[in-house]
Protein backbone atom coordinates (compact mmCIF):
# COMPACT_ATOMS: atom_id res chain seq x y z
CA MET A 1 0.05 -0.18 0.07
CA LYS A 2 3.01 2.40 0.78
CA VAL A 3 4.38 2.08 -2.38
CA LEU A 4 0.86 2.34 -4.28
CA PHE A 5 0.63 5.41 -2.21
CA LYS A 6 4.13 6.76 -3.34
CA GLN A 7 3.59 5.85 -6.97
CA THR A 8 0.00 7.66 -7.14
CA VAL A 9 1.39 10.92 -5.62
CA ALA A 10 4.38 10.79 -8.13
CA GLY A 11 1.86 10.08 -10.77
CA PHE A 12 -0.19 12.73 -9.28
CA LYS A 13 2.59 15.69 -9.37
CA LEU A 14 3.75 14.67 -12.98
CA LEU A 15 0.21 15.35 -14.17
CA LEU A 16 0.29 18.67 -12.38
CA VAL A 17 3.29 19.70 -13.69
CA MET A 18 2.99 18.46 -17.29
CA THR A 19 -0.71 20.34 -17.01
CA VAL A 20 1.12 23.52 -16.17
CA LEU A 21 3.67 23.25 -18.89
CA THR A 22 1.90 21.69 -21.61
CA GLY A 23 -1.63 23.30 -20.83
CA ILE A 24 -0.82 26.46 -19.47
CA LEU A 25 2.99 27.61 -20.42
CA TYR A 26 3.18 26.29 -23.82
CA PRO A 27 0.56 28.08 -24.78
CA LEU A 28 1.27 31.16 -23.64
CA GLY A 29 4.35 30.82 -25.25
CA VAL A 30 3.26 29.93 -28.59
CA TRP A 31 0.51 33.23 -28.16
CA ALA A 32 3.77 35.44 -27.08
CA VAL A 33 5.49 34.86 -30.15
CA ALA A 34 2.51 35.16 -32.32
CA ARG A 35 2.46 38.83 -31.13
CA ILE A 36 5.98 39.37 -32.79
CA PRO A 37 5.06 42.16 -35.63
CA GLY A 38 5.41 40.52 -38.87
CA LEU A 39 3.52 37.27 -37.20
CA SER A 40 0.60 38.52 -35.76
CA ASP A 41 -1.50 38.56 -39.12
CA ASN A 42 -0.90 35.01 -40.04
CA ALA A 43 -1.70 33.87 -36.38
CA GLU A 44 -4.63 35.67 -36.29
CA GLY A 45 -6.05 33.76 -39.26
CA SER A 46 -5.37 36.63 -41.82
CA VAL A 47 -8.90 37.83 -41.23
CA VAL A 48 -10.17 40.87 -43.38
CA TYR A 49 -11.93 43.66 -41.49
CA ARG A 50 -13.95 46.72 -42.92
CA ASN A 51 -15.57 48.91 -40.95
CA GLY A 52 -14.23 47.23 -37.66
CA GLN A 53 -16.17 43.96 -39.28
CA ALA A 54 -14.89 41.07 -40.00
CA VAL A 55 -15.62 40.04 -43.84
CA GLY A 56 -13.63 36.94 -44.34
CA SER A 57 -10.40 35.61 -44.66
CA SER A 58 -7.63 36.84 -47.47
CA LEU A 59 -6.63 32.80 -47.18
CA ILE A 60 -9.97 30.90 -47.73
CA GLY A 61 -12.27 31.28 -50.53
CA VAL A 62 -15.91 31.33 -49.90
CA ASP A 63 -18.09 31.90 -53.39
CA PRO A 64 -20.25 34.93 -53.04
CA VAL A 65 -24.16 34.45 -53.53
CA ALA A 66 -25.68 36.91 -55.12
CA LYS A 67 -29.42 37.86 -54.25
CA ASP A 68 -30.62 37.62 -57.67
CA PRO A 69 -28.51 35.58 -59.91
CA ALA A 70 -29.57 37.15 -63.16
CA HIS A 71 -28.02 40.39 -61.56
CA ASP A 72 -24.65 39.14 -60.10
CA PRO A 73 -22.57 41.85 -59.17
CA PHE A 74 -19.89 39.70 -57.81
CA PHE A 75 -16.57 37.85 -59.10
CA HIS A 76 -16.38 34.29 -58.47
CA ASN A 77 -13.98 32.21 -56.58
CA ARG A 78 -13.10 28.47 -58.48
CA PRO A 79 -15.66 26.06 -57.56
CA SER A 80 -15.29 23.53 -54.50
CA ALA A 81 -15.48 19.42 -54.51
CA GLY A 82 -17.43 19.79 -51.52
CA SER A 83 -20.19 22.07 -52.85
CA LYS A 84 -23.27 20.60 -53.49
CA ASP A 85 -24.19 22.65 -56.75
CA PRO A 86 -21.52 22.63 -59.66
CA LEU A 87 -20.33 25.97 -58.99
CA GLY A 88 -20.69 26.57 -55.23
CA PRO A 89 -20.49 28.17 -52.96
CA GLY A 90 -18.41 25.53 -50.72
CA ASP A 91 -18.60 24.91 -47.38
CA PRO A 92 -15.58 26.70 -45.33
CA ALA A 93 -15.77 24.19 -42.38
CA THR A 94 -14.32 21.45 -44.81
CA SER A 95 -11.25 21.00 -47.09
CA GLY A 96 -10.52 18.70 -49.95
CA GLY A 97 -10.17 17.68 -53.25
CA SER A 98 -12.49 15.22 -55.11
CA ASN A 99 -9.83 12.88 -55.50
CA LYS A 100 -11.27 11.71 -59.22
CA GLY A 101 -8.53 11.52 -61.88
CA THR A 102 -9.01 13.42 -65.28
CA ALA A 103 -10.23 10.28 -67.28
CA ASN A 104 -13.21 10.25 -64.41
CA GLN A 105 -16.60 10.58 -66.46
CA ASP A 106 -17.94 11.87 -63.63
CA LEU A 107 -15.33 14.93 -63.23
CA LEU A 108 -15.22 15.16 -66.66
CA ALA A 109 -19.48 15.72 -66.87
CA LEU A 110 -19.07 18.17 -64.13
CA VAL A 111 -16.35 20.27 -65.60
CA LYS A 112 -18.38 20.34 -68.62
CA GLU A 113 -21.37 21.59 -66.95
CA ARG A 114 -19.76 24.20 -65.08
CA GLN A 115 -18.35 25.13 -68.47
CA ASP A 116 -21.52 25.56 -69.78
CA LEU A 117 -23.11 27.56 -66.75
CA ILE A 118 -20.12 29.93 -66.74
CA ALA A 119 -20.21 30.46 -70.32
CA LYS A 120 -23.94 31.55 -70.00
CA ARG A 121 -23.57 33.81 -66.97
CA GLU A 122 -20.71 35.72 -68.66
CA GLY A 123 -22.06 35.57 -71.87
CA VAL A 124 -19.53 34.10 -73.73
CA PRO A 125 -18.46 30.90 -75.63
CA ALA A 126 -17.85 28.17 -73.72
CA SER A 127 -14.15 27.74 -75.20
CA GLN A 128 -13.38 31.26 -73.56
CA VAL A 129 -13.87 29.85 -69.85
CA PRO A 130 -10.19 29.46 -68.38
CA ALA A 131 -9.43 26.09 -67.05
CA ASP A 132 -9.49 27.47 -62.98
CA ALA A 133 -12.78 28.48 -63.72
CA VAL A 134 -13.87 25.01 -64.03
CA THR A 135 -11.68 23.02 -61.88
CA ALA A 136 -11.73 22.78 -57.85
CA SER A 137 -8.49 23.20 -56.24
CA ALA A 138 -7.03 20.40 -53.87
CA SER A 139 -8.12 22.57 -50.60
CA GLY A 140 -11.57 23.52 -52.22
CA LEU A 141 -11.02 26.88 -50.68
CA ASP A 142 -8.86 28.78 -52.77
CA PRO A 143 -8.75 32.55 -52.21
CA GLN A 144 -7.40 33.60 -55.89
CA ILE A 145 -8.29 33.17 -59.23
CA SER A 146 -6.25 33.75 -62.43
CA PRO A 147 -5.85 36.83 -64.16
CA ALA A 148 -7.73 35.14 -66.97
CA TYR A 149 -10.98 34.16 -65.26
CA ALA A 150 -11.06 37.41 -63.29
CA GLU A 151 -10.90 39.27 -67.22
CA LEU A 152 -13.52 36.92 -67.90
CA GLN A 153 -15.90 38.37 -64.98
CA VAL A 154 -15.14 42.19 -65.54
CA PRO A 155 -17.94 43.34 -68.30
CA ARG A 156 -20.57 41.64 -66.19
CA VAL A 157 -19.45 43.19 -62.97
CA ALA A 158 -19.02 46.43 -64.64
CA ARG A 159 -22.58 46.04 -65.78
CA GLU A 160 -24.15 45.33 -62.51
CA THR A 161 -22.35 47.45 -60.20
CA GLY A 162 -21.97 50.40 -62.54
CA VAL A 163 -18.41 50.93 -62.31
CA SER A 164 -16.91 51.58 -65.77
CA GLN A 165 -15.13 48.39 -66.86
CA ASP A 166 -11.63 50.52 -67.26
CA GLU A 167 -12.33 50.80 -63.32
CA VAL A 168 -12.93 47.62 -62.53
CA ARG A 169 -9.87 45.90 -64.34
CA LYS A 170 -8.00 48.84 -62.70
CA LEU A 171 -9.06 47.30 -59.46
CA VAL A 172 -7.97 43.72 -60.93
CA ALA A 173 -4.77 44.81 -61.63
CA ASP A 174 -4.48 46.31 -58.01
CA ASN A 175 -5.57 43.27 -56.38
CA THR A 176 -3.31 40.76 -58.61
CA THR A 177 -0.13 39.41 -56.87
CA GLY A 178 2.87 38.27 -59.33
CA ARG A 179 5.02 35.35 -59.20
CA GLY A 180 7.07 34.81 -55.70
CA LEU A 181 10.66 35.80 -56.33
CA GLY A 182 9.60 36.98 -59.94
CA VAL A 183 9.53 33.27 -61.11
CA LEU A 184 7.63 30.96 -58.53
CA GLY A 185 4.12 30.18 -59.10
CA ASP A 186 1.54 31.88 -61.36
CA PRO A 187 -0.22 35.74 -61.03
CA ALA A 188 -3.60 35.51 -58.97
CA VAL A 189 -6.16 37.71 -58.14
CA ASN A 190 -7.76 37.92 -54.39
CA VAL A 191 -11.36 37.74 -55.00
CA LEU A 192 -12.42 38.59 -51.34
CA GLN A 193 -10.51 42.04 -51.54
CA LEU A 194 -11.15 42.54 -55.21
CA ASN A 195 -15.01 42.44 -54.45
CA LEU A 196 -14.39 44.85 -51.37
CA ALA A 197 -12.81 47.08 -53.37
CA VAL A 198 -15.47 47.19 -55.97
CA ALA A 199 -17.85 47.58 -53.24
CA ALA A 200 -16.22 50.78 -52.22
CA ALA A 201 -16.19 51.82 -55.82
CA ARG A 202 -19.46 52.06 -56.18
CA HIS A 203 -19.92 54.43 -53.36
């Protein structure tokens, strides 16, 4: 009994020490490091604020939904594999691709359906719809689209918002990032920030 008591006390002491270390001190240390200038934005989830209110994240793409699909004033994200509808919106609480290969007939049919829907929405031939407009990313939550997909949407957004096409194109350029180090990746347009810029230009 005496040995059992000593072991129980020792185990309890270890539990208290580890609770303090891993449950209190370590989280506080991580939180303190995250307050270092230059790290705080990423630590807080890259939340985008307008007028003091959170309106989304610059790292998580959530496709906007127009009240009237016939008068859609928004730029749109890439589709999400987790969406119930062909073009979205996806569920930001989940992330993942479809895991379907390029020979999968269901995927090919879905891509064709997306192509037709976007061509109709933008008033262009299906052949003008860029690849990223009809294919979901691995995460399904890409915050960015290609400049080509943004350009495809410019006439509709300008028409529905009353902002000139030239001004909308300037806003697209302002919200386009270049290649990392000049050679890595492709130029991309942040959809949330672009839609906020267009909304501000309407007033």
